[in-house]
């Protein structure tokens, strides 16, 4: 998707539920800002839901859009921010579920090393790995 001197660069954006299961996945170029993909990813957020994105998504427009939908956002603040919105560090500790999801994705070699050259094939590999994560939550044995 994105190309640099080091090769292909791609960011995986994921919307994950409280159990660490993926709800929505999207690929963007590695050099693209995270805020560009935020509007597409957050279409499924409803009233009363909590969002725990990382620092790259910290913007007033994103916070206002979530507040208009009735959702709560606990986004870690950028260090250069002038206006300081509310931030709950206790709630933000739950973000480790999102990081654990990405760690589980990296256990699939095709995703970790990005074997696929085309972005649609790479997205399919990521979706298959995400499907395996979903199926593991419903597994009855060890």
N, C-alpha and C. Protein backbone atom coordinates (compact mmCIF):
# COMPACT_ATOMS: atom_id res chain seq x y z
N UNK A 1 0.83 -1.18 0.00
CA UNK A 1 0.00 0.00 0.00
C UNK A 1 0.87 1.25 0.00
N UNK A 2 1.62 1.47 1.04
CA UNK A 2 2.56 2.58 1.05
C UNK A 2 3.94 2.07 0.71
N UNK A 3 4.74 2.89 0.09
CA UNK A 3 6.07 2.44 -0.31
C UNK A 3 7.09 3.45 0.20
N UNK A 4 8.15 2.93 0.76
CA UNK A 4 9.25 3.77 1.22
C UNK A 4 10.56 3.12 0.80
N UNK A 5 11.66 3.71 1.23
CA UNK A 5 12.96 3.12 0.87
C UNK A 5 13.13 1.75 1.51
N UNK A 6 12.46 1.53 2.64
CA UNK A 6 12.57 0.25 3.33
C UNK A 6 11.67 -0.82 2.75
N UNK A 7 10.77 -0.45 1.86
CA UNK A 7 9.85 -1.42 1.26
C UNK A 7 8.41 -1.01 1.46
N UNK A 8 7.54 -2.00 1.51
CA UNK A 8 6.12 -1.74 1.68
C UNK A 8 5.82 -1.42 3.14
N UNK A 9 5.04 -0.38 3.37
CA UNK A 9 4.65 -0.01 4.73
C UNK A 9 3.14 0.10 4.77
N UNK A 10 2.55 -0.54 5.74
CA UNK A 10 1.10 -0.55 5.89
C UNK A 10 0.76 -0.51 7.36
N UNK A 11 -0.23 0.30 7.72
CA UNK A 11 -0.76 0.32 9.07
C UNK A 11 -2.07 -0.45 9.09
N UNK A 12 -2.26 -1.21 10.14
CA UNK A 12 -3.52 -1.92 10.34
C UNK A 12 -4.28 -1.16 11.42
N UNK A 13 -5.48 -0.70 11.09
CA UNK A 13 -6.35 -0.04 12.06
C UNK A 13 -7.44 -1.04 12.43
N UNK A 14 -7.70 -1.18 13.72
CA UNK A 14 -8.67 -2.17 14.17
C UNK A 14 -9.60 -1.56 15.21
N UNK A 15 -10.87 -1.89 15.09
CA UNK A 15 -11.86 -1.57 16.10
C UNK A 15 -12.16 -2.89 16.79
N UNK A 16 -11.90 -2.95 18.10
CA UNK A 16 -11.94 -4.20 18.85
C UNK A 16 -12.96 -4.08 19.97
N UNK A 17 -13.70 -5.16 20.24
CA UNK A 17 -14.68 -5.13 21.33
C UNK A 17 -13.99 -5.35 22.68
N UNK A 18 -14.78 -5.43 23.74
CA UNK A 18 -14.24 -5.53 25.10
C UNK A 18 -13.50 -6.84 25.35
N UNK A 19 -13.78 -7.86 24.55
CA UNK A 19 -13.10 -9.14 24.71
C UNK A 19 -11.88 -9.27 23.81
N UNK A 20 -11.53 -8.23 23.09
CA UNK A 20 -10.37 -8.26 22.22
C UNK A 20 -10.63 -8.88 20.86
N UNK A 21 -11.90 -8.98 20.48
CA UNK A 21 -12.24 -9.54 19.17
C UNK A 21 -12.43 -8.39 18.18
N UNK A 22 -11.91 -8.54 16.98
CA UNK A 22 -12.00 -7.45 16.00
C UNK A 22 -13.41 -7.26 15.46
N UNK A 23 -13.81 -6.02 15.32
CA UNK A 23 -15.11 -5.68 14.75
C UNK A 23 -14.92 -5.09 13.36
N UNK A 24 -13.93 -4.24 13.20
CA UNK A 24 -13.68 -3.60 11.91
C UNK A 24 -12.17 -3.48 11.70
N UNK A 25 -11.73 -3.79 10.49
CA UNK A 25 -10.32 -3.71 10.14
C UNK A 25 -10.15 -2.84 8.92
N UNK A 26 -9.06 -2.09 8.89
CA UNK A 26 -8.79 -1.23 7.75
C UNK A 26 -7.28 -1.08 7.59
N UNK A 27 -6.84 -0.98 6.35
CA UNK A 27 -5.43 -0.74 6.05
C UNK A 27 -5.25 0.67 5.53
N UNK A 28 -4.16 1.30 5.94
CA UNK A 28 -3.78 2.59 5.36
C UNK A 28 -2.28 2.56 5.08
N UNK A 29 -1.82 3.55 4.37
CA UNK A 29 -0.39 3.66 4.08
C UNK A 29 0.37 3.90 5.38
N UNK A 30 1.57 3.40 5.44
CA UNK A 30 2.36 3.53 6.65
C UNK A 30 2.69 4.96 7.03
N UNK A 31 2.80 5.84 6.04
CA UNK A 31 3.15 7.23 6.33
C UNK A 31 1.92 8.12 6.52
N UNK A 32 0.72 7.57 6.40
CA UNK A 32 -0.51 8.35 6.55
C UNK A 32 -0.80 8.60 8.03
N UNK A 33 -1.40 9.74 8.33
CA UNK A 33 -1.78 10.08 9.70
C UNK A 33 -2.96 9.22 10.13
N UNK A 34 -2.99 8.82 11.40
CA UNK A 34 -4.06 7.97 11.90
C UNK A 34 -5.42 8.64 11.86
N UNK A 35 -5.45 9.95 12.02
CA UNK A 35 -6.71 10.67 12.05
C UNK A 35 -7.49 10.59 10.74
N UNK A 36 -6.79 10.34 9.63
CA UNK A 36 -7.48 10.25 8.34
C UNK A 36 -8.44 9.07 8.29
N UNK A 37 -8.10 7.99 8.93
CA UNK A 37 -8.94 6.80 8.86
C UNK A 37 -9.95 6.72 10.00
N UNK A 38 -9.89 7.65 10.93
CA UNK A 38 -10.74 7.57 12.11
C UNK A 38 -12.22 7.66 11.78
N UNK A 39 -12.60 8.54 10.87
CA UNK A 39 -14.02 8.72 10.56
C UNK A 39 -14.63 7.44 9.99
N UNK A 40 -13.91 6.75 9.12
CA UNK A 40 -14.42 5.51 8.55
C UNK A 40 -14.54 4.42 9.60
N UNK A 41 -13.58 4.35 10.49
CA UNK A 41 -13.57 3.29 11.49
C UNK A 41 -14.66 3.46 12.53
N UNK A 42 -15.06 4.68 12.80
CA UNK A 42 -15.96 4.94 13.92
C UNK A 42 -17.42 5.02 13.53
N UNK A 43 -17.76 4.62 12.32
CA UNK A 43 -19.16 4.66 11.91
C UNK A 43 -20.03 3.72 12.74
N UNK A 44 -19.46 2.66 13.27
CA UNK A 44 -20.22 1.68 14.03
C UNK A 44 -20.33 1.98 15.51
N UNK A 45 -19.76 3.08 15.97
CA UNK A 45 -19.81 3.42 17.39
C UNK A 45 -21.19 4.00 17.72
N UNK A 46 -21.81 3.47 18.76
CA UNK A 46 -23.15 3.90 19.17
C UNK A 46 -23.10 4.59 20.53
N UNK A 47 -24.29 5.01 20.95
CA UNK A 47 -24.44 5.69 22.23
C UNK A 47 -24.02 4.76 23.38
N UNK A 48 -23.26 5.32 24.30
CA UNK A 48 -22.87 4.59 25.50
C UNK A 48 -21.62 3.73 25.35
N UNK A 49 -21.08 3.64 24.16
CA UNK A 49 -19.87 2.84 23.98
C UNK A 49 -18.64 3.66 24.31
N UNK A 50 -17.58 2.97 24.70
CA UNK A 50 -16.34 3.62 25.08
C UNK A 50 -15.27 3.32 24.05
N UNK A 51 -14.52 4.33 23.69
CA UNK A 51 -13.46 4.19 22.69
C UNK A 51 -12.12 4.50 23.35
N UNK A 52 -11.12 3.64 23.11
CA UNK A 52 -9.80 3.81 23.71
C UNK A 52 -8.71 3.81 22.63
N UNK A 53 -8.70 4.81 21.77
CA UNK A 53 -7.66 4.85 20.73
C UNK A 53 -6.32 5.34 21.29
N UNK A 54 -5.28 5.17 20.51
CA UNK A 54 -3.98 5.65 20.96
C UNK A 54 -3.81 7.13 20.64
N UNK A 55 -2.65 7.64 20.94
CA UNK A 55 -2.37 9.06 20.85
C UNK A 55 -2.53 9.64 19.45
N UNK A 56 -2.32 8.84 18.43
CA UNK A 56 -2.40 9.34 17.06
C UNK A 56 -3.78 9.81 16.66
N UNK A 57 -4.80 9.37 17.38
CA UNK A 57 -6.18 9.75 17.07
C UNK A 57 -6.64 10.97 17.87
N UNK A 58 -5.77 11.59 18.63
CA UNK A 58 -6.14 12.71 19.48
C UNK A 58 -6.41 13.96 18.63
N UNK A 59 -7.69 14.29 18.47
CA UNK A 59 -8.07 15.52 17.77
C UNK A 59 -9.42 15.98 18.31
N UNK A 60 -9.64 17.28 18.24
CA UNK A 60 -10.90 17.83 18.72
C UNK A 60 -12.07 17.39 17.85
N UNK A 61 -11.86 17.28 16.56
CA UNK A 61 -12.95 16.87 15.67
C UNK A 61 -13.40 15.44 15.97
N UNK A 62 -12.47 14.56 16.27
CA UNK A 62 -12.83 13.18 16.62
C UNK A 62 -13.59 13.14 17.93
N UNK A 63 -13.12 13.89 18.92
CA UNK A 63 -13.81 13.93 20.21
C UNK A 63 -15.22 14.51 20.08
N UNK A 64 -15.36 15.56 19.27
CA UNK A 64 -16.68 16.17 19.08
C UNK A 64 -17.62 15.21 18.35
N UNK A 65 -17.10 14.50 17.36
CA UNK A 65 -17.92 13.54 16.63
C UNK A 65 -18.39 12.40 17.52
N UNK A 66 -17.53 11.93 18.40
CA UNK A 66 -17.93 10.87 19.33
C UNK A 66 -18.94 11.38 20.36
N UNK A 67 -18.74 12.61 20.83
CA UNK A 67 -19.69 13.19 21.79
C UNK A 67 -21.06 13.37 21.16
N UNK A 68 -21.10 13.72 19.87
CA UNK A 68 -22.38 13.87 19.18
C UNK A 68 -23.10 12.53 19.06
N UNK A 69 -22.35 11.45 18.98
CA UNK A 69 -22.96 10.11 18.90
C UNK A 69 -23.29 9.56 20.28
N UNK A 70 -22.85 10.22 21.33
CA UNK A 70 -23.12 9.75 22.68
C UNK A 70 -22.10 8.75 23.18
N UNK A 71 -20.97 8.65 22.51
CA UNK A 71 -19.92 7.72 22.92
C UNK A 71 -18.90 8.45 23.79
N UNK A 72 -18.18 7.69 24.58
CA UNK A 72 -17.17 8.24 25.46
C UNK A 72 -15.80 7.90 24.89
N UNK A 73 -14.89 8.87 24.88
CA UNK A 73 -13.54 8.63 24.38
C UNK A 73 -12.53 8.95 25.47
N UNK A 74 -11.64 8.03 25.72
CA UNK A 74 -10.53 8.27 26.62
C UNK A 74 -9.26 8.13 25.79
N UNK A 75 -8.83 9.25 25.23
CA UNK A 75 -7.68 9.27 24.33
C UNK A 75 -6.51 9.90 25.05
N UNK A 76 -5.40 9.22 25.04
CA UNK A 76 -4.20 9.77 25.66
C UNK A 76 -3.82 11.06 24.94
N UNK A 77 -3.48 12.07 25.71
CA UNK A 77 -3.27 13.41 25.15
C UNK A 77 -1.91 13.54 24.49
N UNK A 78 -1.90 14.28 23.39
CA UNK A 78 -0.64 14.63 22.74
C UNK A 78 0.10 15.62 23.65
N UNK A 79 1.40 15.53 23.74
CA UNK A 79 2.13 16.42 24.65
C UNK A 79 2.08 17.89 24.26
N UNK A 80 1.80 18.19 23.01
CA UNK A 80 1.78 19.59 22.56
C UNK A 80 0.38 20.20 22.61
N UNK A 81 -0.57 19.54 23.21
CA UNK A 81 -1.96 19.99 23.22
C UNK A 81 -2.13 21.20 24.12
N UNK A 82 -2.85 22.20 23.63
CA UNK A 82 -3.11 23.42 24.40
C UNK A 82 -4.36 23.25 25.27
N UNK A 83 -5.46 22.82 24.64
CA UNK A 83 -6.72 22.62 25.36
C UNK A 83 -6.75 21.18 25.88
N UNK A 84 -6.84 21.01 27.17
CA UNK A 84 -6.76 19.67 27.75
C UNK A 84 -8.15 19.11 28.03
N UNK A 85 -8.62 18.17 27.21
CA UNK A 85 -9.90 17.53 27.49
C UNK A 85 -9.75 16.47 28.58
N UNK A 86 -10.86 15.92 28.99
CA UNK A 86 -10.85 14.91 30.05
C UNK A 86 -10.15 13.64 29.58
N UNK A 87 -9.39 13.04 30.48
CA UNK A 87 -8.69 11.80 30.20
C UNK A 87 -8.74 10.94 31.45
N UNK A 88 -9.15 9.69 31.32
CA UNK A 88 -9.26 8.77 32.44
C UNK A 88 -8.16 7.72 32.34
N UNK A 89 -7.10 7.84 33.13
CA UNK A 89 -6.00 6.87 33.03
C UNK A 89 -6.40 5.47 33.48
N UNK A 90 -7.35 5.36 34.40
CA UNK A 90 -7.81 4.04 34.85
C UNK A 90 -8.53 3.32 33.71
N UNK A 91 -9.40 4.03 33.02
CA UNK A 91 -10.10 3.45 31.88
C UNK A 91 -9.13 3.13 30.75
N UNK A 92 -8.12 3.96 30.57
CA UNK A 92 -7.16 3.76 29.49
C UNK A 92 -6.32 2.50 29.69
N UNK A 93 -6.26 2.00 30.92
CA UNK A 93 -5.52 0.76 31.17
C UNK A 93 -6.16 -0.42 30.44
N UNK A 94 -7.43 -0.32 30.10
CA UNK A 94 -8.09 -1.39 29.36
C UNK A 94 -7.61 -1.47 27.91
N UNK A 95 -6.83 -0.50 27.50
CA UNK A 95 -6.30 -0.50 26.13
C UNK A 95 -5.39 -1.69 25.87
N UNK A 96 -4.91 -2.33 26.91
CA UNK A 96 -4.03 -3.48 26.71
C UNK A 96 -4.73 -4.59 25.94
N UNK A 97 -6.05 -4.62 25.97
CA UNK A 97 -6.78 -5.62 25.17
C UNK A 97 -6.57 -5.39 23.68
N UNK A 98 -6.49 -4.14 23.30
CA UNK A 98 -6.25 -3.82 21.89
C UNK A 98 -4.82 -4.21 21.52
N UNK A 99 -3.89 -3.90 22.39
CA UNK A 99 -2.50 -4.27 22.12
C UNK A 99 -2.34 -5.78 22.08
N UNK A 100 -3.08 -6.51 22.93
CA UNK A 100 -3.01 -7.97 22.89
C UNK A 100 -3.60 -8.50 21.59
N UNK A 101 -4.61 -7.84 21.04
CA UNK A 101 -5.15 -8.25 19.75
C UNK A 101 -4.08 -8.14 18.66
N UNK A 102 -3.37 -7.03 18.63
CA UNK A 102 -2.32 -6.87 17.63
C UNK A 102 -1.20 -7.88 17.84
N UNK A 103 -0.93 -8.22 19.09
CA UNK A 103 0.08 -9.25 19.37
C UNK A 103 -0.37 -10.60 18.81
N UNK A 104 -1.64 -10.92 18.96
CA UNK A 104 -2.16 -12.18 18.41
C UNK A 104 -2.10 -12.18 16.89
N UNK A 105 -2.34 -11.02 16.28
CA UNK A 105 -2.22 -10.93 14.82
C UNK A 105 -0.79 -11.22 14.37
N UNK A 106 0.18 -10.75 15.13
CA UNK A 106 1.58 -10.93 14.74
C UNK A 106 2.05 -12.37 14.88
N UNK A 107 1.24 -13.24 15.51
CA UNK A 107 1.59 -14.65 15.60
C UNK A 107 1.40 -15.35 14.26
N UNK A 108 0.66 -14.73 13.37
CA UNK A 108 0.47 -15.28 12.02
C UNK A 108 1.61 -14.74 11.16
N UNK A 109 2.43 -15.62 10.65
CA UNK A 109 3.65 -15.20 9.96
C UNK A 109 3.36 -14.36 8.72
N UNK A 110 2.30 -14.69 8.00
CA UNK A 110 1.98 -13.93 6.79
C UNK A 110 1.62 -12.48 7.11
N UNK A 111 1.06 -12.25 8.28
CA UNK A 111 0.72 -10.88 8.69
C UNK A 111 1.96 -10.18 9.24
N UNK A 112 2.74 -10.88 10.05
CA UNK A 112 3.90 -10.27 10.69
C UNK A 112 4.97 -9.86 9.67
N UNK A 113 5.16 -10.67 8.64
CA UNK A 113 6.21 -10.37 7.67
C UNK A 113 5.68 -9.76 6.39
N UNK A 114 4.37 -9.65 6.28
CA UNK A 114 3.69 -9.06 5.12
C UNK A 114 4.15 -9.71 3.82
N UNK A 115 3.84 -11.01 3.71
CA UNK A 115 4.19 -11.75 2.51
C UNK A 115 3.49 -11.20 1.27
N UNK A 116 2.26 -10.77 1.42
CA UNK A 116 1.45 -10.36 0.27
C UNK A 116 1.87 -8.98 -0.20
N UNK A 117 2.02 -8.84 -1.49
CA UNK A 117 2.42 -7.55 -2.06
C UNK A 117 1.22 -6.65 -2.29
N UNK A 118 0.10 -7.22 -2.68
CA UNK A 118 -1.09 -6.41 -2.94
C UNK A 118 -1.85 -6.16 -1.65
N UNK A 119 -2.41 -4.96 -1.52
CA UNK A 119 -3.07 -4.61 -0.28
C UNK A 119 -4.35 -5.40 -0.05
N UNK A 120 -5.09 -5.77 -1.09
CA UNK A 120 -6.31 -6.55 -0.88
C UNK A 120 -5.98 -7.96 -0.41
N UNK A 121 -4.89 -8.54 -0.88
CA UNK A 121 -4.47 -9.86 -0.40
C UNK A 121 -3.98 -9.78 1.05
N UNK A 122 -3.27 -8.71 1.37
CA UNK A 122 -2.80 -8.55 2.75
C UNK A 122 -3.97 -8.34 3.70
N UNK A 123 -4.96 -7.56 3.28
CA UNK A 123 -6.15 -7.37 4.10
C UNK A 123 -6.87 -8.69 4.31
N UNK A 124 -6.93 -9.53 3.29
CA UNK A 124 -7.55 -10.85 3.43
C UNK A 124 -6.78 -11.71 4.43
N UNK A 125 -5.46 -11.63 4.43
CA UNK A 125 -4.66 -12.37 5.42
C UNK A 125 -4.94 -11.88 6.83
N UNK A 126 -5.05 -10.57 6.98
CA UNK A 126 -5.35 -10.00 8.29
C UNK A 126 -6.75 -10.42 8.73
N UNK A 127 -7.71 -10.43 7.81
CA UNK A 127 -9.07 -10.84 8.15
C UNK A 127 -9.14 -12.31 8.52
N UNK A 128 -8.37 -13.16 7.85
CA UNK A 128 -8.33 -14.58 8.21
C UNK A 128 -7.73 -14.77 9.61
N UNK A 129 -6.68 -14.03 9.90
CA UNK A 129 -6.09 -14.11 11.24
C UNK A 129 -7.07 -13.61 12.29
N UNK A 130 -7.82 -12.56 11.97
CA UNK A 130 -8.83 -12.04 12.89
C UNK A 130 -9.95 -13.04 13.10
N UNK A 131 -10.32 -13.75 12.03
CA UNK A 131 -11.35 -14.79 12.15
C UNK A 131 -10.88 -15.90 13.08
N UNK A 132 -9.62 -16.26 13.01
CA UNK A 132 -9.09 -17.28 13.92
C UNK A 132 -9.16 -16.81 15.36
N UNK A 133 -8.93 -15.52 15.60
CA UNK A 133 -9.04 -14.98 16.95
C UNK A 133 -10.48 -15.08 17.44
N UNK A 134 -11.44 -14.75 16.57
CA UNK A 134 -12.86 -14.89 16.93
C UNK A 134 -13.19 -16.33 17.27
N UNK A 135 -12.73 -17.27 16.44
CA UNK A 135 -13.06 -18.68 16.66
C UNK A 135 -12.43 -19.21 17.95
N UNK A 136 -11.26 -18.73 18.31
CA UNK A 136 -10.63 -19.17 19.55
C UNK A 136 -11.43 -18.78 20.78
N UNK A 137 -12.17 -17.67 20.72
CA UNK A 137 -12.96 -17.27 21.88
C UNK A 137 -14.14 -18.20 22.11
N UNK A 138 -14.57 -18.92 21.07
CA UNK A 138 -15.69 -19.85 21.21
C UNK A 138 -15.23 -21.30 21.29
N UNK A 139 -13.94 -21.52 21.40
CA UNK A 139 -13.41 -22.87 21.48
C UNK A 139 -13.77 -23.48 22.83
N UNK A 140 -14.21 -24.74 22.83
CA UNK A 140 -14.67 -25.36 24.06
C UNK A 140 -13.56 -26.02 24.86
N UNK A 141 -12.49 -26.42 24.22
CA UNK A 141 -11.40 -27.11 24.91
C UNK A 141 -10.19 -26.23 25.09
N UNK A 142 -9.07 -26.82 25.55
CA UNK A 142 -7.85 -26.03 25.76
C UNK A 142 -7.19 -25.64 24.53
